[in-house]
Amino acid sequence: GGITYYGDSVKGRFTISRDNAKNTV
């Protein structure tokens, strides 16, 4: 979860994250 990349059209508006204990992104 320490490294993320975004498409140009969503940068600054979308955020990706994950909870590995729940196997969920």
PDBML (XML) file of the C-alpha atoms, coordinates in Angstrom:
<?xml version="1.0" encoding="UTF-8" ?>
<PDBx:datablock datablockName="MODEL"
   xmlns:PDBx="http://pdbml.pdb.org/schema/pdbx-v50.xsd"
   xmlns:xsi="http://www.w3.org/2001/XMLSchema-instance"
   xsi:schemaLocation="http://pdbml.pdb.org/schema/pdbx-v50.xsd pdbx-v50.xsd">
   <PDBx:atom_siteCategory>
      <PDBx:atom_site id="1">
         <PDBx:B_iso_or_equiv>0.00</PDBx:B_iso_or_equiv>
         <PDBx:Cartn_x>0.000</PDBx:Cartn_x>
         <PDBx:Cartn_y>0.000</PDBx:Cartn_y>
         <PDBx:Cartn_z>0.000</PDBx:Cartn_z>
         <PDBx:auth_asym_id>A</PDBx:auth_asym_id>
         <PDBx:auth_atom_id>CA</PDBx:auth_atom_id>
         <PDBx:auth_comp_id>GLY</PDBx:auth_comp_id>
         <PDBx:auth_seq_id>1</PDBx:auth_seq_id>
         <PDBx:group_PDB>ATOM</PDBx:group_PDB>
         <PDBx:label_alt_id xsi:nil="true" />
         <PDBx:label_asym_id>A</PDBx:label_asym_id>
         <PDBx:label_atom_id>CA</PDBx:label_atom_id>
         <PDBx:label_comp_id>GLY</PDBx:label_comp_id>
         <PDBx:label_entity_id>1</PDBx:label_entity_id>
         <PDBx:label_seq_id>1</PDBx:label_seq_id>
         <PDBx:occupancy>1.00</PDBx:occupancy>
         <PDBx:pdbx_PDB_model_num>1</PDBx:pdbx_PDB_model_num>
         <PDBx:type_symbol>C</PDBx:type_symbol>
      </PDBx:atom_site>
      <PDBx:atom_site id="2">
         <PDBx:B_iso_or_equiv>0.00</PDBx:B_iso_or_equiv>
         <PDBx:Cartn_x>2.995</PDBx:Cartn_x>
         <PDBx:Cartn_y>2.262</PDBx:Cartn_y>
         <PDBx:Cartn_z>0.100</PDBx:Cartn_z>
         <PDBx:auth_asym_id>A</PDBx:auth_asym_id>
         <PDBx:auth_atom_id>CA</PDBx:auth_atom_id>
         <PDBx:auth_comp_id>GLY</PDBx:auth_comp_id>
         <PDBx:auth_seq_id>2</PDBx:auth_seq_id>
         <PDBx:group_PDB>ATOM</PDBx:group_PDB>
         <PDBx:label_alt_id xsi:nil="true" />
         <PDBx:label_asym_id>A</PDBx:label_asym_id>
         <PDBx:label_atom_id>CA</PDBx:label_atom_id>
         <PDBx:label_comp_id>GLY</PDBx:label_comp_id>
         <PDBx:label_entity_id>1</PDBx:label_entity_id>
         <PDBx:label_seq_id>2</PDBx:label_seq_id>
         <PDBx:occupancy>1.00</PDBx:occupancy>
         <PDBx:pdbx_PDB_model_num>1</PDBx:pdbx_PDB_model_num>
         <PDBx:type_symbol>C</PDBx:type_symbol>
      </PDBx:atom_site>
      <PDBx:atom_site id="3">
         <PDBx:B_iso_or_equiv>0.00</PDBx:B_iso_or_equiv>
         <PDBx:Cartn_x>3.161</PDBx:Cartn_x>
         <PDBx:Cartn_y>2.996</PDBx:Cartn_y>
         <PDBx:Cartn_z>-3.626</PDBx:Cartn_z>
         <PDBx:auth_asym_id>A</PDBx:auth_asym_id>
         <PDBx:auth_atom_id>CA</PDBx:auth_atom_id>
         <PDBx:auth_comp_id>ILE</PDBx:auth_comp_id>
         <PDBx:auth_seq_id>3</PDBx:auth_seq_id>
         <PDBx:group_PDB>ATOM</PDBx:group_PDB>
         <PDBx:label_alt_id xsi:nil="true" />
         <PDBx:label_asym_id>A</PDBx:label_asym_id>
         <PDBx:label_atom_id>CA</PDBx:label_atom_id>
         <PDBx:label_comp_id>ILE</PDBx:label_comp_id>
         <PDBx:label_entity_id>1</PDBx:label_entity_id>
         <PDBx:label_seq_id>3</PDBx:label_seq_id>
         <PDBx:occupancy>1.00</PDBx:occupancy>
         <PDBx:pdbx_PDB_model_num>1</PDBx:pdbx_PDB_model_num>
         <PDBx:type_symbol>C</PDBx:type_symbol>
      </PDBx:atom_site>
      <PDBx:atom_site id="4">
         <PDBx:B_iso_or_equiv>0.00</PDBx:B_iso_or_equiv>
         <PDBx:Cartn_x>0.302</PDBx:Cartn_x>
         <PDBx:Cartn_y>4.191</PDBx:Cartn_y>
         <PDBx:Cartn_z>-5.789</PDBx:Cartn_z>
         <PDBx:auth_asym_id>A</PDBx:auth_asym_id>
         <PDBx:auth_atom_id>CA</PDBx:auth_atom_id>
         <PDBx:auth_comp_id>THR</PDBx:auth_comp_id>
         <PDBx:auth_seq_id>4</PDBx:auth_seq_id>
         <PDBx:group_PDB>ATOM</PDBx:group_PDB>
         <PDBx:label_alt_id xsi:nil="true" />
         <PDBx:label_asym_id>A</PDBx:label_asym_id>
         <PDBx:label_atom_id>CA</PDBx:label_atom_id>
         <PDBx:label_comp_id>THR</PDBx:label_comp_id>
         <PDBx:label_entity_id>1</PDBx:label_entity_id>
         <PDBx:label_seq_id>4</PDBx:label_seq_id>
         <PDBx:occupancy>1.00</PDBx:occupancy>
         <PDBx:pdbx_PDB_model_num>1</PDBx:pdbx_PDB_model_num>
         <PDBx:type_symbol>C</PDBx:type_symbol>
      </PDBx:atom_site>
      <PDBx:atom_site id="5">
         <PDBx:B_iso_or_equiv>0.00</PDBx:B_iso_or_equiv>
         <PDBx:Cartn_x>-0.117</PDBx:Cartn_x>
         <PDBx:Cartn_y>5.437</PDBx:Cartn_y>
         <PDBx:Cartn_z>-9.340</PDBx:Cartn_z>
         <PDBx:auth_asym_id>A</PDBx:auth_asym_id>
         <PDBx:auth_atom_id>CA</PDBx:auth_atom_id>
         <PDBx:auth_comp_id>TYR</PDBx:auth_comp_id>
         <PDBx:auth_seq_id>5</PDBx:auth_seq_id>
         <PDBx:group_PDB>ATOM</PDBx:group_PDB>
         <PDBx:label_alt_id xsi:nil="true" />
         <PDBx:label_asym_id>A</PDBx:label_asym_id>
         <PDBx:label_atom_id>CA</PDBx:label_atom_id>
         <PDBx:label_comp_id>TYR</PDBx:label_comp_id>
         <PDBx:label_entity_id>1</PDBx:label_entity_id>
         <PDBx:label_seq_id>5</PDBx:label_seq_id>
         <PDBx:occupancy>1.00</PDBx:occupancy>
         <PDBx:pdbx_PDB_model_num>1</PDBx:pdbx_PDB_model_num>
         <PDBx:type_symbol>C</PDBx:type_symbol>
      </PDBx:atom_site>
      <PDBx:atom_site id="6">
         <PDBx:B_iso_or_equiv>0.00</PDBx:B_iso_or_equiv>
         <PDBx:Cartn_x>-3.048</PDBx:Cartn_x>
         <PDBx:Cartn_y>7.234</PDBx:Cartn_y>
         <PDBx:Cartn_z>-10.932</PDBx:Cartn_z>
         <PDBx:auth_asym_id>A</PDBx:auth_asym_id>
         <PDBx:auth_atom_id>CA</PDBx:auth_atom_id>
         <PDBx:auth_comp_id>TYR</PDBx:auth_comp_id>
         <PDBx:auth_seq_id>6</PDBx:auth_seq_id>
         <PDBx:group_PDB>ATOM</PDBx:group_PDB>
         <PDBx:label_alt_id xsi:nil="true" />
         <PDBx:label_asym_id>A</PDBx:label_asym_id>
         <PDBx:label_atom_id>CA</PDBx:label_atom_id>
         <PDBx:label_comp_id>TYR</PDBx:label_comp_id>
         <PDBx:label_entity_id>1</PDBx:label_entity_id>
         <PDBx:label_seq_id>6</PDBx:label_seq_id>
         <PDBx:occupancy>1.00</PDBx:occupancy>
         <PDBx:pdbx_PDB_model_num>1</PDBx:pdbx_PDB_model_num>
         <PDBx:type_symbol>C</PDBx:type_symbol>
      </PDBx:atom_site>
      <PDBx:atom_site id="7">
         <PDBx:B_iso_or_equiv>0.00</PDBx:B_iso_or_equiv>
         <PDBx:Cartn_x>-4.315</PDBx:Cartn_x>
         <PDBx:Cartn_y>7.977</PDBx:Cartn_y>
         <PDBx:Cartn_z>-14.380</PDBx:Cartn_z>
         <PDBx:auth_asym_id>A</PDBx:auth_asym_id>
         <PDBx:auth_atom_id>CA</PDBx:auth_atom_id>
         <PDBx:auth_comp_id>GLY</PDBx:auth_comp_id>
         <PDBx:auth_seq_id>7</PDBx:auth_seq_id>
         <PDBx:group_PDB>ATOM</PDBx:group_PDB>
         <PDBx:label_alt_id xsi:nil="true" />
         <PDBx:label_asym_id>A</PDBx:label_asym_id>
         <PDBx:label_atom_id>CA</PDBx:label_atom_id>
         <PDBx:label_comp_id>GLY</PDBx:label_comp_id>
         <PDBx:label_entity_id>1</PDBx:label_entity_id>
         <PDBx:label_seq_id>7</PDBx:label_seq_id>
         <PDBx:occupancy>1.00</PDBx:occupancy>
         <PDBx:pdbx_PDB_model_num>1</PDBx:pdbx_PDB_model_num>
         <PDBx:type_symbol>C</PDBx:type_symbol>
      </PDBx:atom_site>
      <PDBx:atom_site id="8">
         <PDBx:B_iso_or_equiv>0.00</PDBx:B_iso_or_equiv>
         <PDBx:Cartn_x>-4.009</PDBx:Cartn_x>
         <PDBx:Cartn_y>11.633</PDBx:Cartn_y>
         <PDBx:Cartn_z>-15.360</PDBx:Cartn_z>
         <PDBx:auth_asym_id>A</PDBx:auth_asym_id>
         <PDBx:auth_atom_id>CA</PDBx:auth_atom_id>
         <PDBx:auth_comp_id>ASP</PDBx:auth_comp_id>
         <PDBx:auth_seq_id>8</PDBx:auth_seq_id>
         <PDBx:group_PDB>ATOM</PDBx:group_PDB>
         <PDBx:label_alt_id xsi:nil="true" />
         <PDBx:label_asym_id>A</PDBx:label_asym_id>
         <PDBx:label_atom_id>CA</PDBx:label_atom_id>
         <PDBx:label_comp_id>ASP</PDBx:label_comp_id>
         <PDBx:label_entity_id>1</PDBx:label_entity_id>
         <PDBx:label_seq_id>8</PDBx:label_seq_id>
         <PDBx:occupancy>1.00</PDBx:occupancy>
         <PDBx:pdbx_PDB_model_num>1</PDBx:pdbx_PDB_model_num>
         <PDBx:type_symbol>C</PDBx:type_symbol>
      </PDBx:atom_site>
      <PDBx:atom_site id="9">
         <PDBx:B_iso_or_equiv>0.00</PDBx:B_iso_or_equiv>
         <PDBx:Cartn_x>-7.759</PDBx:Cartn_x>
         <PDBx:Cartn_y>12.120</PDBx:Cartn_y>
         <PDBx:Cartn_z>-15.552</PDBx:Cartn_z>
         <PDBx:auth_asym_id>A</PDBx:auth_asym_id>
         <PDBx:auth_atom_id>CA</PDBx:auth_atom_id>
         <PDBx:auth_comp_id>SER</PDBx:auth_comp_id>
         <PDBx:auth_seq_id>9</PDBx:auth_seq_id>
         <PDBx:group_PDB>ATOM</PDBx:group_PDB>
         <PDBx:label_alt_id xsi:nil="true" />
         <PDBx:label_asym_id>A</PDBx:label_asym_id>
         <PDBx:label_atom_id>CA</PDBx:label_atom_id>
         <PDBx:label_comp_id>SER</PDBx:label_comp_id>
         <PDBx:label_entity_id>1</PDBx:label_entity_id>
         <PDBx:label_seq_id>9</PDBx:label_seq_id>
         <PDBx:occupancy>1.00</PDBx:occupancy>
         <PDBx:pdbx_PDB_model_num>1</PDBx:pdbx_PDB_model_num>
         <PDBx:type_symbol>C</PDBx:type_symbol>
      </PDBx:atom_site>
      <PDBx:atom_site id="10">
         <PDBx:B_iso_or_equiv>0.00</PDBx:B_iso_or_equiv>
         <PDBx:Cartn_x>-8.313</PDBx:Cartn_x>
         <PDBx:Cartn_y>11.153</PDBx:Cartn_y>
         <PDBx:Cartn_z>-11.894</PDBx:Cartn_z>
         <PDBx:auth_asym_id>A</PDBx:auth_asym_id>
         <PDBx:auth_atom_id>CA</PDBx:auth_atom_id>
         <PDBx:auth_comp_id>VAL</PDBx:auth_comp_id>
         <PDBx:auth_seq_id>10</PDBx:auth_seq_id>
         <PDBx:group_PDB>ATOM</PDBx:group_PDB>
         <PDBx:label_alt_id xsi:nil="true" />
         <PDBx:label_asym_id>A</PDBx:label_asym_id>
         <PDBx:label_atom_id>CA</PDBx:label_atom_id>
         <PDBx:label_comp_id>VAL</PDBx:label_comp_id>
         <PDBx:label_entity_id>1</PDBx:label_entity_id>
         <PDBx:label_seq_id>10</PDBx:label_seq_id>
         <PDBx:occupancy>1.00</PDBx:occupancy>
         <PDBx:pdbx_PDB_model_num>1</PDBx:pdbx_PDB_model_num>
         <PDBx:type_symbol>C</PDBx:type_symbol>
      </PDBx:atom_site>
      <PDBx:atom_site id="11">
         <PDBx:B_iso_or_equiv>0.00</PDBx:B_iso_or_equiv>
         <PDBx:Cartn_x>-5.225</PDBx:Cartn_x>
         <PDBx:Cartn_y>12.521</PDBx:Cartn_y>
         <PDBx:Cartn_z>-10.150</PDBx:Cartn_z>
         <PDBx:auth_asym_id>A</PDBx:auth_asym_id>
         <PDBx:auth_atom_id>CA</PDBx:auth_atom_id>
         <PDBx:auth_comp_id>LYS</PDBx:auth_comp_id>
         <PDBx:auth_seq_id>11</PDBx:auth_seq_id>
         <PDBx:group_PDB>ATOM</PDBx:group_PDB>
         <PDBx:label_alt_id xsi:nil="true" />
         <PDBx:label_asym_id>A</PDBx:label_asym_id>
         <PDBx:label_atom_id>CA</PDBx:label_atom_id>
         <PDBx:label_comp_id>LYS</PDBx:label_comp_id>
         <PDBx:label_entity_id>1</PDBx:label_entity_id>
         <PDBx:label_seq_id>11</PDBx:label_seq_id>
         <PDBx:occupancy>1.00</PDBx:occupancy>
         <PDBx:pdbx_PDB_model_num>1</PDBx:pdbx_PDB_model_num>
         <PDBx:type_symbol>C</PDBx:type_symbol>
      </PDBx:atom_site>
      <PDBx:atom_site id="12">
         <PDBx:B_iso_or_equiv>0.00</PDBx:B_iso_or_equiv>
         <PDBx:Cartn_x>-6.122</PDBx:Cartn_x>
         <PDBx:Cartn_y>14.641</PDBx:Cartn_y>
         <PDBx:Cartn_z>-7.157</PDBx:Cartn_z>
         <PDBx:auth_asym_id>A</PDBx:auth_asym_id>
         <PDBx:auth_atom_id>CA</PDBx:auth_atom_id>
         <PDBx:auth_comp_id>GLY</PDBx:auth_comp_id>
         <PDBx:auth_seq_id>12</PDBx:auth_seq_id>
         <PDBx:group_PDB>ATOM</PDBx:group_PDB>
         <PDBx:label_alt_id xsi:nil="true" />
         <PDBx:label_asym_id>A</PDBx:label_asym_id>
         <PDBx:label_atom_id>CA</PDBx:label_atom_id>
         <PDBx:label_comp_id>GLY</PDBx:label_comp_id>
         <PDBx:label_entity_id>1</PDBx:label_entity_id>
         <PDBx:label_seq_id>12</PDBx:label_seq_id>
         <PDBx:occupancy>1.00</PDBx:occupancy>
         <PDBx:pdbx_PDB_model_num>1</PDBx:pdbx_PDB_model_num>
         <PDBx:type_symbol>C</PDBx:type_symbol>
      </PDBx:atom_site>
      <PDBx:atom_site id="13">
         <PDBx:B_iso_or_equiv>0.00</PDBx:B_iso_or_equiv>
         <PDBx:Cartn_x>-9.720</PDBx:Cartn_x>
         <PDBx:Cartn_y>13.367</PDBx:Cartn_y>
         <PDBx:Cartn_z>-7.108</PDBx:Cartn_z>
         <PDBx:auth_asym_id>A</PDBx:auth_asym_id>
         <PDBx:auth_atom_id>CA</PDBx:auth_atom_id>
         <PDBx:auth_comp_id>ARG</PDBx:auth_comp_id>
         <PDBx:auth_seq_id>13</PDBx:auth_seq_id>
         <PDBx:group_PDB>ATOM</PDBx:group_PDB>
         <PDBx:label_alt_id xsi:nil="true" />
         <PDBx:label_asym_id>A</PDBx:label_asym_id>
         <PDBx:label_atom_id>CA</PDBx:label_atom_id>
         <PDBx:label_comp_id>ARG</PDBx:label_comp_id>
         <PDBx:label_entity_id>1</PDBx:label_entity_id>
         <PDBx:label_seq_id>13</PDBx:label_seq_id>
         <PDBx:occupancy>1.00</PDBx:occupancy>
         <PDBx:pdbx_PDB_model_num>1</PDBx:pdbx_PDB_model_num>
         <PDBx:type_symbol>C</PDBx:type_symbol>
      </PDBx:atom_site>
      <PDBx:atom_site id="14">
         <PDBx:B_iso_or_equiv>0.00</PDBx:B_iso_or_equiv>
         <PDBx:Cartn_x>-9.456</PDBx:Cartn_x>
         <PDBx:Cartn_y>9.605</PDBx:Cartn_y>
         <PDBx:Cartn_z>-6.615</PDBx:Cartn_z>
         <PDBx:auth_asym_id>A</PDBx:auth_asym_id>
         <PDBx:auth_atom_id>CA</PDBx:auth_atom_id>
         <PDBx:auth_comp_id>PHE</PDBx:auth_comp_id>
         <PDBx:auth_seq_id>14</PDBx:auth_seq_id>
         <PDBx:group_PDB>ATOM</PDBx:group_PDB>
         <PDBx:label_alt_id xsi:nil="true" />
         <PDBx:label_asym_id>A</PDBx:label_asym_id>
         <PDBx:label_atom_id>CA</PDBx:label_atom_id>
         <PDBx:label_comp_id>PHE</PDBx:label_comp_id>
         <PDBx:label_entity_id>1</PDBx:label_entity_id>
         <PDBx:label_seq_id>14</PDBx:label_seq_id>
         <PDBx:occupancy>1.00</PDBx:occupancy>
         <PDBx:pdbx_PDB_model_num>1</PDBx:pdbx_PDB_model_num>
         <PDBx:type_symbol>C</PDBx:type_symbol>
      </PDBx:atom_site>
      <PDBx:atom_site id="15">
         <PDBx:B_iso_or_equiv>0.00</PDBx:B_iso_or_equiv>
         <PDBx:Cartn_x>-7.592</PDBx:Cartn_x>
         <PDBx:Cartn_y>7.685</PDBx:Cartn_y>
         <PDBx:Cartn_z>-3.917</PDBx:Cartn_z>
         <PDBx:auth_asym_id>A</PDBx:auth_asym_id>
         <PDBx:auth_atom_id>CA</PDBx:auth_atom_id>
         <PDBx:auth_comp_id>THR</PDBx:auth_comp_id>
         <PDBx:auth_seq_id>15</PDBx:auth_seq_id>
         <PDBx:group_PDB>ATOM</PDBx:group_PDB>
         <PDBx:label_alt_id xsi:nil="true" />
         <PDBx:label_asym_id>A</PDBx:label_asym_id>
         <PDBx:label_atom_id>CA</PDBx:label_atom_id>
         <PDBx:label_comp_id>THR</PDBx:label_comp_id>
         <PDBx:label_entity_id>1</PDBx:label_entity_id>
         <PDBx:label_seq_id>15</PDBx:label_seq_id>
         <PDBx:occupancy>1.00</PDBx:occupancy>
         <PDBx:pdbx_PDB_model_num>1</PDBx:pdbx_PDB_model_num>
         <PDBx:type_symbol>C</PDBx:type_symbol>
      </PDBx:atom_site>
      <PDBx:atom_site id="16">
         <PDBx:B_iso_or_equiv>0.00</PDBx:B_iso_or_equiv>
         <PDBx:Cartn_x>-6.772</PDBx:Cartn_x>
         <PDBx:Cartn_y>3.981</PDBx:Cartn_y>
         <PDBx:Cartn_z>-3.949</PDBx:Cartn_z>
         <PDBx:auth_asym_id>A</PDBx:auth_asym_id>
         <PDBx:auth_atom_id>CA</PDBx:auth_atom_id>
         <PDBx:auth_comp_id>ILE</PDBx:auth_comp_id>
         <PDBx:auth_seq_id>16</PDBx:auth_seq_id>
         <PDBx:group_PDB>ATOM</PDBx:group_PDB>
         <PDBx:label_alt_id xsi:nil="true" />
         <PDBx:label_asym_id>A</PDBx:label_asym_id>
         <PDBx:label_atom_id>CA</PDBx:label_atom_id>
         <PDBx:label_comp_id>ILE</PDBx:label_comp_id>
         <PDBx:label_entity_id>1</PDBx:label_entity_id>
         <PDBx:label_seq_id>16</PDBx:label_seq_id>
         <PDBx:occupancy>1.00</PDBx:occupancy>
         <PDBx:pdbx_PDB_model_num>1</PDBx:pdbx_PDB_model_num>
         <PDBx:type_symbol>C</PDBx:type_symbol>
      </PDBx:atom_site>
      <PDBx:atom_site id="17">
         <PDBx:B_iso_or_equiv>0.00</PDBx:B_iso_or_equiv>
         <PDBx:Cartn_x>-6.146</PDBx:Cartn_x>
         <PDBx:Cartn_y>2.127</PDBx:Cartn_y>
         <PDBx:Cartn_z>-0.701</PDBx:Cartn_z>
         <PDBx:auth_asym_id>A</PDBx:auth_asym_id>
         <PDBx:auth_atom_id>CA</PDBx:auth_atom_id>
         <PDBx:auth_comp_id>SER</PDBx:auth_comp_id>
         <PDBx:auth_seq_id>17</PDBx:auth_seq_id>
         <PDBx:group_PDB>ATOM</PDBx:group_PDB>
         <PDBx:label_alt_id xsi:nil="true" />
         <PDBx:label_asym_id>A</PDBx:label_asym_id>
         <PDBx:label_atom_id>CA</PDBx:label_atom_id>
         <PDBx:label_comp_id>SER</PDBx:label_comp_id>
         <PDBx:label_entity_id>1</PDBx:label_entity_id>
         <PDBx:label_seq_id>17</PDBx:label_seq_id>
         <PDBx:occupancy>1.00</PDBx:occupancy>
         <PDBx:pdbx_PDB_model_num>1</PDBx:pdbx_PDB_model_num>
         <PDBx:type_symbol>C</PDBx:type_symbol>
      </PDBx:atom_site>
      <PDBx:atom_site id="18">
         <PDBx:B_iso_or_equiv>0.00</PDBx:B_iso_or_equiv>
         <PDBx:Cartn_x>-6.177</PDBx:Cartn_x>
         <PDBx:Cartn_y>-1.427</PDBx:Cartn_y>
         <PDBx:Cartn_z>0.608</PDBx:Cartn_z>
         <PDBx:auth_asym_id>A</PDBx:auth_asym_id>
         <PDBx:auth_atom_id>CA</PDBx:auth_atom_id>
         <PDBx:auth_comp_id>ARG</PDBx:auth_comp_id>
         <PDBx:auth_seq_id>18</PDBx:auth_seq_id>
         <PDBx:group_PDB>ATOM</PDBx:group_PDB>
         <PDBx:label_alt_id xsi:nil="true" />
         <PDBx:label_asym_id>A</PDBx:label_asym_id>
         <PDBx:label_atom_id>CA</PDBx:label_atom_id>
         <PDBx:label_comp_id>ARG</PDBx:label_comp_id>
         <PDBx:label_entity_id>1</PDBx:label_entity_id>
         <PDBx:label_seq_id>18</PDBx:label_seq_id>
         <PDBx:occupancy>1.00</PDBx:occupancy>
         <PDBx:pdbx_PDB_model_num>1</PDBx:pdbx_PDB_model_num>
         <PDBx:type_symbol>C</PDBx:type_symbol>
      </PDBx:atom_site>
      <PDBx:atom_site id="19">
         <PDBx:B_iso_or_equiv>0.00</PDBx:B_iso_or_equiv>
         <PDBx:Cartn_x>-6.810</PDBx:Cartn_x>
         <PDBx:Cartn_y>-3.400</PDBx:Cartn_y>
         <PDBx:Cartn_z>3.764</PDBx:Cartn_z>
         <PDBx:auth_asym_id>A</PDBx:auth_asym_id>
         <PDBx:auth_atom_id>CA</PDBx:auth_atom_id>
         <PDBx:auth_comp_id>ASP</PDBx:auth_comp_id>
         <PDBx:auth_seq_id>19</PDBx:auth_seq_id>
         <PDBx:group_PDB>ATOM</PDBx:group_PDB>
         <PDBx:label_alt_id xsi:nil="true" />
         <PDBx:label_asym_id>A</PDBx:label_asym_id>
         <PDBx:label_atom_id>CA</PDBx:label_atom_id>
         <PDBx:label_comp_id>ASP</PDBx:label_comp_id>
         <PDBx:label_entity_id>1</PDBx:label_entity_id>
         <PDBx:label_seq_id>19</PDBx:label_seq_id>
         <PDBx:occupancy>1.00</PDBx:occupancy>
         <PDBx:pdbx_PDB_model_num>1</PDBx:pdbx_PDB_model_num>
         <PDBx:type_symbol>C</PDBx:type_symbol>
      </PDBx:atom_site>
      <PDBx:atom_site id="20">
         <PDBx:B_iso_or_equiv>0.00</PDBx:B_iso_or_equiv>
         <PDBx:Cartn_x>-4.815</PDBx:Cartn_x>
         <PDBx:Cartn_y>-6.618</PDBx:Cartn_y>
         <PDBx:Cartn_z>3.473</PDBx:Cartn_z>
         <PDBx:auth_asym_id>A</PDBx:auth_asym_id>
         <PDBx:auth_atom_id>CA</PDBx:auth_atom_id>
         <PDBx:auth_comp_id>ASN</PDBx:auth_comp_id>
         <PDBx:auth_seq_id>20</PDBx:auth_seq_id>
         <PDBx:group_PDB>ATOM</PDBx:group_PDB>
         <PDBx:label_alt_id xsi:nil="true" />
         <PDBx:label_asym_id>A</PDBx:label_asym_id>
         <PDBx:label_atom_id>CA</PDBx:label_atom_id>
         <PDBx:label_comp_id>ASN</PDBx:label_comp_id>
         <PDBx:label_entity_id>1</PDBx:label_entity_id>
         <PDBx:label_seq_id>20</PDBx:label_seq_id>
         <PDBx:occupancy>1.00</PDBx:occupancy>
         <PDBx:pdbx_PDB_model_num>1</PDBx:pdbx_PDB_model_num>
         <PDBx:type_symbol>C</PDBx:type_symbol>
      </PDBx:atom_site>
      <PDBx:atom_site id="21">
         <PDBx:B_iso_or_equiv>0.00</PDBx:B_iso_or_equiv>
         <PDBx:Cartn_x>-6.370</PDBx:Cartn_x>
         <PDBx:Cartn_y>-8.098</PDBx:Cartn_y>
         <PDBx:Cartn_z>6.606</PDBx:Cartn_z>
         <PDBx:auth_asym_id>A</PDBx:auth_asym_id>
         <PDBx:auth_atom_id>CA</PDBx:auth_atom_id>
         <PDBx:auth_comp_id>ALA</PDBx:auth_comp_id>
         <PDBx:auth_seq_id>21</PDBx:auth_seq_id>
         <PDBx:group_PDB>ATOM</PDBx:group_PDB>
         <PDBx:label_alt_id xsi:nil="true" />
         <PDBx:label_asym_id>A</PDBx:label_asym_id>
         <PDBx:label_atom_id>CA</PDBx:label_atom_id>
         <PDBx:label_comp_id>ALA</PDBx:label_comp_id>
         <PDBx:label_entity_id>1</PDBx:label_entity_id>
         <PDBx:label_seq_id>21</PDBx:label_seq_id>
         <PDBx:occupancy>1.00</PDBx:occupancy>
         <PDBx:pdbx_PDB_model_num>1</PDBx:pdbx_PDB_model_num>
         <PDBx:type_symbol>C</PDBx:type_symbol>
      </PDBx:atom_site>
      <PDBx:atom_site id="22">
         <PDBx:B_iso_or_equiv>0.00</PDBx:B_iso_or_equiv>
         <PDBx:Cartn_x>-9.704</PDBx:Cartn_x>
         <PDBx:Cartn_y>-7.955</PDBx:Cartn_y>
         <PDBx:Cartn_z>4.779</PDBx:Cartn_z>
         <PDBx:auth_asym_id>A</PDBx:auth_asym_id>
         <PDBx:auth_atom_id>CA</PDBx:auth_atom_id>
         <PDBx:auth_comp_id>LYS</PDBx:auth_comp_id>
         <PDBx:auth_seq_id>22</PDBx:auth_seq_id>
         <PDBx:group_PDB>ATOM</PDBx:group_PDB>
         <PDBx:label_alt_id xsi:nil="true" />
         <PDBx:label_asym_id>A</PDBx:label_asym_id>
         <PDBx:label_atom_id>CA</PDBx:label_atom_id>
         <PDBx:label_comp_id>LYS</PDBx:label_comp_id>
         <PDBx:label_entity_id>1</PDBx:label_entity_id>
         <PDBx:label_seq_id>22</PDBx:label_seq_id>
         <PDBx:occupancy>1.00</PDBx:occupancy>
         <PDBx:pdbx_PDB_model_num>1</PDBx:pdbx_PDB_model_num>
         <PDBx:type_symbol>C</PDBx:type_symbol>
      </PDBx:atom_site>
      <PDBx:atom_site id="23">
         <PDBx:B_iso_or_equiv>0.00</PDBx:B_iso_or_equiv>
         <PDBx:Cartn_x>-8.322</PDBx:Cartn_x>
         <PDBx:Cartn_y>-8.783</PDBx:Cartn_y>
         <PDBx:Cartn_z>1.319</PDBx:Cartn_z>
         <PDBx:auth_asym_id>A</PDBx:auth_asym_id>
         <PDBx:auth_atom_id>CA</PDBx:auth_atom_id>
         <PDBx:auth_comp_id>ASN</PDBx:auth_comp_id>
         <PDBx:auth_seq_id>23</PDBx:auth_seq_id>
         <PDBx:group_PDB>ATOM</PDBx:group_PDB>
         <PDBx:label_alt_id xsi:nil="true" />
         <PDBx:label_asym_id>A</PDBx:label_asym_id>
         <PDBx:label_atom_id>CA</PDBx:label_atom_id>
         <PDBx:label_comp_id>ASN</PDBx:label_comp_id>
         <PDBx:label_entity_id>1</PDBx:label_entity_id>
         <PDBx:label_seq_id>23</PDBx:label_seq_id>
         <PDBx:occupancy>1.00</PDBx:occupancy>
         <PDBx:pdbx_PDB_model_num>1</PDBx:pdbx_PDB_model_num>
         <PDBx:type_symbol>C</PDBx:type_symbol>
      </PDBx:atom_site>
      <PDBx:atom_site id="24">
         <PDBx:B_iso_or_equiv>0.00</PDBx:B_iso_or_equiv>
         <PDBx:Cartn_x>-10.049</PDBx:Cartn_x>
         <PDBx:Cartn_y>-5.642</PDBx:Cartn_y>
         <PDBx:Cartn_z>0.088</PDBx:Cartn_z>
         <PDBx:auth_asym_id>A</PDBx:auth_asym_id>
         <PDBx:auth_atom_id>CA</PDBx:auth_atom_id>
         <PDBx:auth_comp_id>THR</PDBx:auth_comp_id>
         <PDBx:auth_seq_id>24</PDBx:auth_seq_id>
         <PDBx:group_PDB>ATOM</PDBx:group_PDB>
         <PDBx:label_alt_id xsi:nil="true" />
         <PDBx:label_asym_id>A</PDBx:label_asym_id>
         <PDBx:label_atom_id>CA</PDBx:label_atom_id>
         <PDBx:label_comp_id>THR</PDBx:label_comp_id>
         <PDBx:label_entity_id>1</PDBx:label_entity_id>
         <PDBx:label_seq_id>24</PDBx:label_seq_id>
         <PDBx:occupancy>1.00</PDBx:occupancy>
         <PDBx:pdbx_PDB_model_num>1</PDBx:pdbx_PDB_model_num>
         <PDBx:type_symbol>C</PDBx:type_symbol>
      </PDBx:atom_site>
      <PDBx:atom_site id="25">
         <PDBx:B_iso_or_equiv>0.00</PDBx:B_iso_or_equiv>
         <PDBx:Cartn_x>-9.019</PDBx:Cartn_x>
         <PDBx:Cartn_y>-2.689</PDBx:Cartn_y>
         <PDBx:Cartn_z>-2.038</PDBx:Cartn_z>
         <PDBx:auth_asym_id>A</PDBx:auth_asym_id>
         <PDBx:auth_atom_id>CA</PDBx:auth_atom_id>
         <PDBx:auth_comp_id>VAL</PDBx:auth_comp_id>
         <PDBx:auth_seq_id>25</PDBx:auth_seq_id>
         <PDBx:group_PDB>ATOM</PDBx:group_PDB>
         <PDBx:label_alt_id xsi:nil="true" />
         <PDBx:label_asym_id>A</PDBx:label_asym_id>
         <PDBx:label_atom_id>CA</PDBx:label_atom_id>
         <PDBx:label_comp_id>VAL</PDBx:label_comp_id>
         <PDBx:label_entity_id>1</PDBx:label_entity_id>
         <PDBx:label_seq_id>25</PDBx:label_seq_id>
         <PDBx:occupancy>1.00</PDBx:occupancy>
         <PDBx:pdbx_PDB_model_num>1</PDBx:pdbx_PDB_model_num>
         <PDBx:type_symbol>C</PDBx:type_symbol>
      </PDBx:atom_site>
   </PDBx:atom_siteCategory>
</PDBx:datablock>
